[in-house]
Each structure stands twice: as C-alpha cells, then as structure tokens.
Amino acid sequence: MSIEKLKDEQISLAKRIQIKNKMSFDEVEFVVGVDQAFDDFKGKETRVISAAVLMSFPELHVVESKSVIEKVDFPYIPGFLMFREGKSAIRVLKEITVSERKAVVLVDGSGIAHPRRCGLASYIAIKTGLPTIGITKHRLVGNYEEPKKMGEAKPLFFEGEKVGYVLKPCKRCNPIFISPGSYITPELSLEIVKACMKGFKLPEPIRFADKLARERKKILRDLNG
C-alpha cells in the first residue's frame, strides 16, 4: 500500500475520533498501560512484543498484566506506527478483557497530536471503543510554551487548535507530550496522567508496560540464543 493511501486511511479514521469524555475522572476504575518492544532476530523477521498492564485507579495497584508476540510485516515509518504496532496492541488489550471494565488506556504513542490527527492511541480507541491517551517523549507536531516547574503543564497547539498538553513530569526530566486518542478531552487526559505520576518521567501504567515488554524481549532473545 502506498504512503498516500495510508495517509488517506488515517484521515478517514480521524473523522471518527470523538474528543469528548466517555466517563468522568471519578468514574474511572482502572488505567491500562500499553507499550511495545521490537526484536530483530539475527536479521530475520522482526517481532513485536506488546505488553499491557492493568492497574486500579487511583491507587495504581497492578491487577493484571499480559504480553503477546507477533511478526511485524510493516516497516518503521514515523507517523505511521499504527500500521506497525496497532493490531498487536489491540490483541494484548483483548487478552486482559479490558472492554468489560471502566478503564482508560494510556498508550506509548501519539493521539491527535499527529500530522493527520490520528496516531496510534487514536487507532486503538477507534478499534476498541475504549478511551485512550497518547503519551510521547518527543513532539511530533505543534507549538507550545516550555513548562518550567515539576508538575507544570502547558497547552500544545497544532494548526490553531489545542491538541493536548506538555507536562514536565519531574525536576530533571524533559517534558512529555499528552494528547487524547478518542473518547476523552485534553483536560481529562492531563488530569489522569498527572494522577498516574510517581516521580518518574512516564506515568506508572506505561512505565510498567515498558518494563514488561523489555523483560519479555530478553526472554525471547535468550530462548533463541
């Protein structure tokens, strides 16, 4: 499939995004972190390890964690991660039956802070019906005023629209970029992410999912020598 057709698909998906809250802050009972790791085994096909960690909210106690491994048949192209990582991320979410819970999913990837307003977090939301929040370490699009103090957040604007927030998560950390995927507003996205911070750069659900994905990757490599 050509890049132009992929762009058209993202633009089409973006029309289905709803920037409104499916539930209030007080109604959220769980948060889920989703992250991925990649294993290119001795030049052969690349595999993606998708990890999901379900945590109670706001206590942030781990309730359940799952991981899945799949072959990757799409190259790494910035701005098109949904086609490389999306199916695997959705599969691992189904493994923890998160659709039956009042949960918000935190994704290591962009939401609407994306050139075509539809990043990985938005893709996951549209395909699952779950509210998602995209969180990245680097800006993909937009302009913002640099937050100076720990816990301070500044709006992120793209093409004249507020598409998220830029948060300084800890004293010596660079900012992180927060944008809604779908079924949630930028304001509630920020509120939930801030409630998931425990002194590290990334919110706890994503931090735990990242750790799980890396552990599974190590086991996979050890098994393959």
C-alpha atoms as a PDB file:
ATOM      1  CA  MET A   1       0.000   0.000   0.000  1.00  0.00           C
ATOM      2  CA  SER A   2       1.315   3.459  -0.915  1.00  0.00           C
ATOM      3  CA  ILE A   3       2.071   6.196   1.605  1.00  0.00           C
ATOM      4  CA  GLU A   4      -0.708   8.329   0.098  1.00  0.00           C
ATOM      5  CA  LYS A   5      -3.254   5.551   0.645  1.00  0.00           C
ATOM      6  CA  LEU A   6      -2.057   5.137   4.234  1.00  0.00           C
ATOM      7  CA  LYS A   7      -2.471   8.869   4.763  1.00  0.00           C
ATOM      8  CA  ASP A   8      -5.986   8.678   3.342  1.00  0.00           C
ATOM      9  CA  GLU A   9      -6.797   5.858   5.764  1.00  0.00           C
ATOM     10  CA  GLN A  10      -5.560   7.927   8.710  1.00  0.00           C
ATOM     11  CA  ILE A  11      -7.587  10.936   7.577  1.00  0.00           C
ATOM     12  CA  SER A  12     -10.660   8.729   7.290  1.00  0.00           C
ATOM     13  CA  LEU A  13     -10.100   7.280  10.773  1.00  0.00           C
ATOM     14  CA  ALA A  14      -9.600  10.775  12.189  1.00  0.00           C
ATOM     15  CA  LYS A  15     -13.156  11.671  11.206  1.00  0.00           C
ATOM     16  CA  ARG A  16     -14.398   9.042  13.668  1.00  0.00           C
ATOM     17  CA  ILE A  17     -12.499  10.477  16.639  1.00  0.00           C
ATOM     18  CA  GLN A  18     -14.628  11.960  19.409  1.00  0.00           C
ATOM     19  CA  ILE A  19     -12.950  14.492  21.672  1.00  0.00           C
ATOM     20  CA  LYS A  20     -15.447  14.196  24.495  1.00  0.00           C
ATOM     21  CA  ASN A  21     -15.370  12.298  27.762  1.00  0.00           C
ATOM     22  CA  LYS A  22     -16.868   8.824  27.780  1.00  0.00           C
ATOM     23  CA  MET A  23     -16.589   8.896  31.574  1.00  0.00           C
ATOM     24  CA  SER A  24     -15.629  11.391  34.257  1.00  0.00           C
ATOM     25  CA  PHE A  25     -12.478  11.292  36.376  1.00  0.00           C
ATOM     26  CA  ASP A  26     -14.436   9.860  39.321  1.00  0.00           C
ATOM     27  CA  GLU A  27     -15.919   7.092  37.164  1.00  0.00           C
ATOM     28  CA  VAL A  28     -12.540   5.713  36.075  1.00  0.00           C
ATOM     29  CA  GLU A  29     -11.850   2.475  37.956  1.00  0.00           C
ATOM     30  CA  PHE A  30      -8.805   1.230  36.046  1.00  0.00           C
ATOM     31  CA  VAL A  31      -5.988   2.517  33.876  1.00  0.00           C
ATOM     32  CA  VAL A  32      -4.078   0.387  31.392  1.00  0.00           C
ATOM     33  CA  GLY A  33      -0.576   0.992  30.102  1.00  0.00           C
ATOM     34  CA  VAL A  34       0.322  -0.268  26.616  1.00  0.00           C
ATOM     35  CA  ASP A  35       3.859  -0.352  25.275  1.00  0.00           C
ATOM     36  CA  GLN A  36       5.849  -2.305  22.710  1.00  0.00           C
ATOM     37  CA  ALA A  37       9.349  -3.657  22.231  1.00  0.00           C
ATOM     38  CA  PHE A  38      10.844  -4.957  18.989  1.00  0.00           C
ATOM     39  CA  ASP A  39      13.126  -7.906  18.396  1.00  0.00           C
ATOM     40  CA  ASP A  40      15.001  -8.275  15.120  1.00  0.00           C
ATOM     41  CA  PHE A  41      16.393 -11.790  15.456  1.00  0.00           C
ATOM     42  CA  LYS A  42      19.670 -12.139  13.567  1.00  0.00           C
ATOM     43  CA  GLY A  43      18.415 -10.225  10.546  1.00  0.00           C
ATOM     44  CA  LYS A  44      15.283 -12.357  10.162  1.00  0.00           C
ATOM     45  CA  GLU A  45      11.708 -11.141  10.503  1.00  0.00           C
ATOM     46  CA  THR A  46      11.127  -8.567  13.164  1.00  0.00           C
ATOM     47  CA  ARG A  47       8.799  -9.403  16.025  1.00  0.00           C
ATOM     48  CA  VAL A  48       6.860  -7.032  18.217  1.00  0.00           C
ATOM     49  CA  ILE A  49       6.276  -7.715  21.897  1.00  0.00           C
ATOM     50  CA  SER A  50       3.164  -5.867  23.046  1.00  0.00           C
ATOM     51  CA  ALA A  51       2.597  -5.512  26.772  1.00  0.00           C
ATOM     52  CA  ALA A  52      -0.408  -4.282  28.726  1.00  0.00           C
ATOM     53  CA  VAL A  53      -0.608  -3.665  32.466  1.00  0.00           C
ATOM     54  CA  LEU A  54      -3.970  -3.124  34.149  1.00  0.00           C
ATOM     55  CA  MET A  55      -3.889  -1.030  37.336  1.00  0.00           C
ATOM     56  CA  SER A  56      -6.536   0.074  39.793  1.00  0.00           C
ATOM     57  CA  PHE A  57      -7.286   3.777  39.758  1.00  0.00           C
ATOM     58  CA  PRO A  58      -6.402   5.955  41.528  1.00  0.00           C
ATOM     59  CA  GLU A  59      -4.459   3.530  43.781  1.00  0.00           C
ATOM     60  CA  LEU A  60      -2.287   2.256  40.875  1.00  0.00           C
ATOM     61  CA  HIS A  61      -2.046  -1.310  42.147  1.00  0.00           C
ATOM     62  CA  VAL A  62      -1.248  -3.864  39.436  1.00  0.00           C
ATOM     63  CA  VAL A  63      -4.294  -6.043  38.813  1.00  0.00           C
ATOM     64  CA  GLU A  64      -3.266  -7.958  35.698  1.00  0.00           C
ATOM     65  CA  SER A  65      -0.574  -7.962  33.033  1.00  0.00           C
ATOM     66  CA  LYS A  66      -0.300  -9.665  29.656  1.00  0.00           C
ATOM     67  CA  SER A  67       2.021  -9.731  26.668  1.00  0.00           C
ATOM     68  CA  VAL A  68       1.783 -11.052  23.132  1.00  0.00           C
ATOM     69  CA  ILE A  69       4.361 -11.626  20.406  1.00  0.00           C
ATOM     70  CA  GLU A  70       3.645 -11.184  16.719  1.00  0.00           C
ATOM     71  CA  LYS A  71       5.604 -10.944  13.495  1.00  0.00           C
ATOM     72  CA  VAL A  72       5.896  -7.442  12.047  1.00  0.00           C
ATOM     73  CA  ASP A  73       5.086  -7.013   8.366  1.00  0.00           C
ATOM     74  CA  PHE A  74       5.231  -3.201   8.194  1.00  0.00           C
ATOM     75  CA  PRO A  75       8.408  -1.073   8.231  1.00  0.00           C
ATOM     76  CA  TYR A  76       9.185   1.651  10.729  1.00  0.00           C
ATOM     77  CA  ILE A  77       7.904   4.927   9.258  1.00  0.00           C
ATOM     78  CA  PRO A  78       7.429   7.919  11.604  1.00  0.00           C
ATOM     79  CA  GLY A  79       3.800   9.000  11.656  1.00  0.00           C
ATOM     80  CA  PHE A  80       2.526   5.561  10.613  1.00  0.00           C
ATOM     81  CA  LEU A  81       3.133   3.491  13.743  1.00  0.00           C
ATOM     82  CA  MET A  82      -0.499   2.401  13.919  1.00  0.00           C
ATOM     83  CA  PHE A  83       0.088   0.140  10.912  1.00  0.00           C
ATOM     84  CA  ARG A  84       3.174  -1.389  12.538  1.00  0.00           C
ATOM     85  CA  GLU A  85       2.009  -1.711  16.148  1.00  0.00           C
ATOM     86  CA  GLY A  86      -1.771  -1.280  16.224  1.00  0.00           C
ATOM     87  CA  LYS A  87      -3.022  -4.837  15.709  1.00  0.00           C
ATOM     88  CA  SER A  88      -0.658  -6.271  18.293  1.00  0.00           C
ATOM     89  CA  ALA A  89      -1.608  -3.586  20.841  1.00  0.00           C
ATOM     90  CA  ILE A  90      -5.291  -4.321  20.343  1.00  0.00           C
ATOM     91  CA  ARG A  91      -4.691  -8.043  20.707  1.00  0.00           C
ATOM     92  CA  VAL A  92      -2.957  -7.643  24.062  1.00  0.00           C
ATOM     93  CA  LEU A  93      -5.762  -5.395  25.300  1.00  0.00           C
ATOM     94  CA  LYS A  94      -8.247  -8.141  24.465  1.00  0.00           C
ATOM     95  CA  GLU A  95      -6.132 -10.580  26.472  1.00  0.00           C
ATOM     96  CA  ILE A  96      -6.956  -8.654  29.656  1.00  0.00           C
ATOM     97  CA  THR A  97     -10.644  -8.215  28.737  1.00  0.00           C
ATOM     98  CA  VAL A  98     -10.352  -4.507  29.428  1.00  0.00           C
ATOM     99  CA  SER A  99     -13.535  -3.738  27.469  1.00  0.00           C
ATOM    100  CA  GLU A 100     -15.569  -5.069  30.398  1.00  0.00           C
ATOM    101  CA  ARG A 101     -14.072  -2.531  32.815  1.00  0.00           C
ATOM    102  CA  LYS A 102     -14.361   1.228  33.316  1.00  0.00           C
ATOM    103  CA  ALA A 103     -10.855   1.859  32.097  1.00  0.00           C
ATOM    104  CA  VAL A 104      -8.771   4.438  30.294  1.00  0.00           C
ATOM    105  CA  VAL A 105      -5.842   3.229  28.183  1.00  0.00           C
ATOM    106  CA  LEU A 106      -2.506   5.066  28.249  1.00  0.00           C
ATOM    107  CA  VAL A 107      -0.540   4.397  25.063  1.00  0.00           C
ATOM    108  CA  ASP A 108       3.133   4.950  24.300  1.00  0.00           C
ATOM    109  CA  GLY A 109       2.337   6.804  21.079  1.00  0.00           C
ATOM    110  CA  SER A 110       0.507   9.838  19.752  1.00  0.00           C
ATOM    111  CA  GLY A 111      -3.164  10.653  19.944  1.00  0.00           C
ATOM    112  CA  ILE A 112      -4.497  13.602  17.948  1.00  0.00           C
ATOM    113  CA  ALA A 113      -1.142  15.403  18.257  1.00  0.00           C
ATOM    114  CA  HIS A 114      -0.300  13.910  14.890  1.00  0.00           C
ATOM    115  CA  PRO A 115       0.081  15.328  11.344  1.00  0.00           C
ATOM    116  CA  ARG A 116      -3.260  13.781  10.342  1.00  0.00           C
ATOM    117  CA  ARG A 117      -4.824  13.960  13.830  1.00  0.00           C
ATOM    118  CA  CYS A 118      -4.758  10.180  14.195  1.00  0.00           C
ATOM    119  CA  GLY A 119      -1.853   8.487  15.946  1.00  0.00           C
ATOM    120  CA  LEU A 120      -1.504   5.028  17.468  1.00  0.00           C
ATOM    121  CA  ALA A 121      -3.602   5.918  20.535  1.00  0.00           C
ATOM    122  CA  SER A 122      -6.430   7.151  18.302  1.00  0.00           C
ATOM    123  CA  TYR A 123      -6.289   3.988  16.207  1.00  0.00           C
ATOM    124  CA  ILE A 124      -6.566   1.820  19.333  1.00  0.00           C
ATOM    125  CA  ALA A 125      -9.505   3.860  20.610  1.00  0.00           C
ATOM    126  CA  ILE A 126     -11.430   3.638  17.349  1.00  0.00           C
ATOM    127  CA  LYS A 127     -10.862  -0.112  17.021  1.00  0.00           C
ATOM    128  CA  THR A 128     -11.719  -0.941  20.660  1.00  0.00           C
ATOM    129  CA  GLY A 129     -14.184   1.762  21.736  1.00  0.00           C
ATOM    130  CA  LEU A 130     -12.001   2.487  24.770  1.00  0.00           C
ATOM    131  CA  PRO A 131     -10.936   5.991  25.844  1.00  0.00           C
ATOM    132  CA  THR A 132      -7.227   6.347  25.134  1.00  0.00           C
ATOM    133  CA  ILE A 133      -4.499   8.851  25.918  1.00  0.00           C
ATOM    134  CA  GLY A 134      -1.377   9.156  23.790  1.00  0.00           C
ATOM    135  CA  ILE A 135       1.916   9.912  25.538  1.00  0.00           C
ATOM    136  CA  THR A 136       5.240  10.529  23.803  1.00  0.00           C
ATOM    137  CA  LYS A 137       8.700  11.674  24.851  1.00  0.00           C
ATOM    138  CA  HIS A 138       9.114  13.819  21.746  1.00  0.00           C
ATOM    139  CA  ARG A 139       6.923  16.322  19.955  1.00  0.00           C
ATOM    140  CA  LEU A 140       5.503  15.098  16.676  1.00  0.00           C
ATOM    141  CA  VAL A 141       3.608  18.283  15.790  1.00  0.00           C
ATOM    142  CA  GLY A 142       2.581  21.579  17.341  1.00  0.00           C
ATOM    143  CA  ASN A 143       3.807  24.578  19.265  1.00  0.00           C
ATOM    144  CA  TYR A 144       3.955  25.152  22.995  1.00  0.00           C
ATOM    145  CA  GLU A 145       5.482  27.162  25.795  1.00  0.00           C
ATOM    146  CA  GLU A 146       8.090  25.175  27.707  1.00  0.00           C
ATOM    147  CA  PRO A 147       6.869  24.147  31.201  1.00  0.00           C
ATOM    148  CA  LYS A 148       9.498  25.096  33.790  1.00  0.00           C
ATOM    149  CA  LYS A 149       8.398  23.605  37.110  1.00  0.00           C
ATOM    150  CA  MET A 150       7.801  19.977  38.035  1.00  0.00           C
ATOM    151  CA  GLY A 151       4.134  19.172  37.519  1.00  0.00           C
ATOM    152  CA  GLU A 152       3.568  22.216  35.338  1.00  0.00           C
ATOM    153  CA  ALA A 153       1.681  21.721  32.062  1.00  0.00           C
ATOM    154  CA  LYS A 154       1.295  23.956  29.031  1.00  0.00           C
ATOM    155  CA  PRO A 155      -1.160  23.573  26.129  1.00  0.00           C
ATOM    156  CA  LEU A 156       0.042  22.061  22.866  1.00  0.00           C
ATOM    157  CA  PHE A 157      -1.377  23.763  19.771  1.00  0.00           C
ATOM    158  CA  PHE A 158      -1.437  22.488  16.199  1.00  0.00           C
ATOM    159  CA  GLU A 159      -2.976  24.408  13.316  1.00  0.00           C
ATOM    160  CA  GLY A 160      -4.682  26.762  15.756  1.00  0.00           C
ATOM    161  CA  GLU A 161      -6.291  24.003  17.833  1.00  0.00           C
ATOM    162  CA  LYS A 162      -5.368  22.695  21.271  1.00  0.00           C
ATOM    163  CA  VAL A 163      -4.450  19.052  20.705  1.00  0.00           C
ATOM    164  CA  GLY A 164      -3.005  18.228  24.113  1.00  0.00           C
ATOM    165  CA  TYR A 165      -0.635  19.286  26.855  1.00  0.00           C
ATOM    166  CA  VAL A 166       3.086  19.328  27.502  1.00  0.00           C
ATOM    167  CA  LEU A 167       3.916  18.223  31.058  1.00  0.00           C
ATOM    168  CA  LYS A 168       7.160  18.474  32.991  1.00  0.00           C
ATOM    169  CA  PRO A 169       6.906  15.240  34.980  1.00  0.00           C
ATOM    170  CA  CYS A 170       9.894  15.568  37.292  1.00  0.00           C
ATOM    171  CA  LYS A 171      12.567  18.104  38.227  1.00  0.00           C
ATOM    172  CA  ARG A 172      15.344  16.835  35.945  1.00  0.00           C
ATOM    173  CA  CYS A 173      13.097  15.411  33.207  1.00  0.00           C
ATOM    174  CA  ASN A 174      12.406  16.717  29.761  1.00  0.00           C
ATOM    175  CA  PRO A 175       8.684  17.230  29.125  1.00  0.00           C
ATOM    176  CA  ILE A 176       6.293  14.573  27.871  1.00  0.00           C
ATOM    177  CA  PHE A 177       3.554  15.170  25.304  1.00  0.00           C
ATOM    178  CA  ILE A 178      -0.016  14.180  26.146  1.00  0.00           C
ATOM    179  CA  SER A 179      -2.881  14.086  23.665  1.00  0.00           C
ATOM    180  CA  PRO A 180      -6.288  12.389  23.634  1.00  0.00           C
ATOM    181  CA  GLY A 181      -6.728   9.400  21.351  1.00  0.00           C
ATOM    182  CA  SER A 182     -10.524   9.465  21.349  1.00  0.00           C
ATOM    183  CA  TYR A 183     -13.477   9.473  23.762  1.00  0.00           C
ATOM    184  CA  ILE A 184     -11.643  11.820  26.137  1.00  0.00           C
ATOM    185  CA  THR A 185     -10.711  15.501  26.247  1.00  0.00           C
ATOM    186  CA  PRO A 186      -7.231  17.041  26.523  1.00  0.00           C
ATOM    187  CA  GLU A 187      -8.109  18.312  30.015  1.00  0.00           C
ATOM    188  CA  LEU A 188      -9.186  14.935  31.396  1.00  0.00           C
ATOM    189  CA  SER A 189      -6.235  13.285  29.660  1.00  0.00           C
ATOM    190  CA  LEU A 190      -3.878  15.586  31.547  1.00  0.00           C
ATOM    191  CA  GLU A 191      -5.705  15.052  34.845  1.00  0.00           C
ATOM    192  CA  ILE A 192      -5.472  11.270  34.568  1.00  0.00           C
ATOM    193  CA  VAL A 193      -1.819  11.285  33.517  1.00  0.00           C
ATOM    194  CA  LYS A 194      -0.894  13.552  36.428  1.00  0.00           C
ATOM    195  CA  ALA A 195      -2.709  11.193  38.799  1.00  0.00           C
ATOM    196  CA  CYS A 196      -0.585   8.333  37.411  1.00  0.00           C
ATOM    197  CA  MET A 197       2.767  10.016  38.045  1.00  0.00           C
ATOM    198  CA  LYS A 198       5.001   8.773  40.873  1.00  0.00           C
ATOM    199  CA  GLY A 199       8.179  10.761  40.454  1.00  0.00           C
ATOM    200  CA  PHE A 200       9.332   9.238  37.170  1.00  0.00           C
ATOM    201  CA  LYS A 201       9.282  10.612  33.638  1.00  0.00           C
ATOM    202  CA  LEU A 202       6.475   8.325  32.479  1.00  0.00           C
ATOM    203  CA  PRO A 203       3.150   7.549  34.168  1.00  0.00           C
ATOM    204  CA  GLU A 204       3.092   4.278  36.078  1.00  0.00           C
ATOM    205  CA  PRO A 205       0.925   2.244  33.655  1.00  0.00           C
ATOM    206  CA  ILE A 206       3.251   2.918  30.716  1.00  0.00           C
ATOM    207  CA  ARG A 207       6.359   2.549  32.867  1.00  0.00           C
ATOM    208  CA  PHE A 208       5.225  -0.905  33.990  1.00  0.00           C
ATOM    209  CA  ALA A 209       4.195  -1.917  30.464  1.00  0.00           C
ATOM    210  CA  ASP A 210       7.578  -0.815  29.136  1.00  0.00           C
ATOM    211  CA  LYS A 211       9.330  -2.913  31.788  1.00  0.00           C
ATOM    212  CA  LEU A 212       7.206  -5.954  30.973  1.00  0.00           C
ATOM    213  CA  ALA A 213       7.824  -5.630  27.223  1.00  0.00           C
ATOM    214  CA  ARG A 214      11.586  -5.369  27.753  1.00  0.00           C
ATOM    215  CA  GLU A 215      11.583  -8.395  30.085  1.00  0.00           C
ATOM    216  CA  ARG A 216       9.683 -10.470  27.516  1.00  0.00           C
ATOM    217  CA  LYS A 217      12.105  -9.350  24.811  1.00  0.00           C
ATOM    218  CA  LYS A 218      15.070 -10.525  26.890  1.00  0.00           C
ATOM    219  CA  ILE A 219      13.437 -13.921  27.485  1.00  0.00           C
ATOM    220  CA  LEU A 220      12.706 -14.240  23.771  1.00  0.00           C
ATOM    221  CA  ARG A 221      16.308 -13.497  22.857  1.00  0.00           C
ATOM    222  CA  ASP A 222      17.642 -15.898  25.493  1.00  0.00           C
ATOM    223  CA  LEU A 223      15.437 -18.665  24.107  1.00  0.00           C
ATOM    224  CA  ASN A 224      16.724 -18.033  20.621  1.00  0.00           C
ATOM    225  CA  GLY A 225      20.343 -17.978  21.743  1.00  0.00           C
END
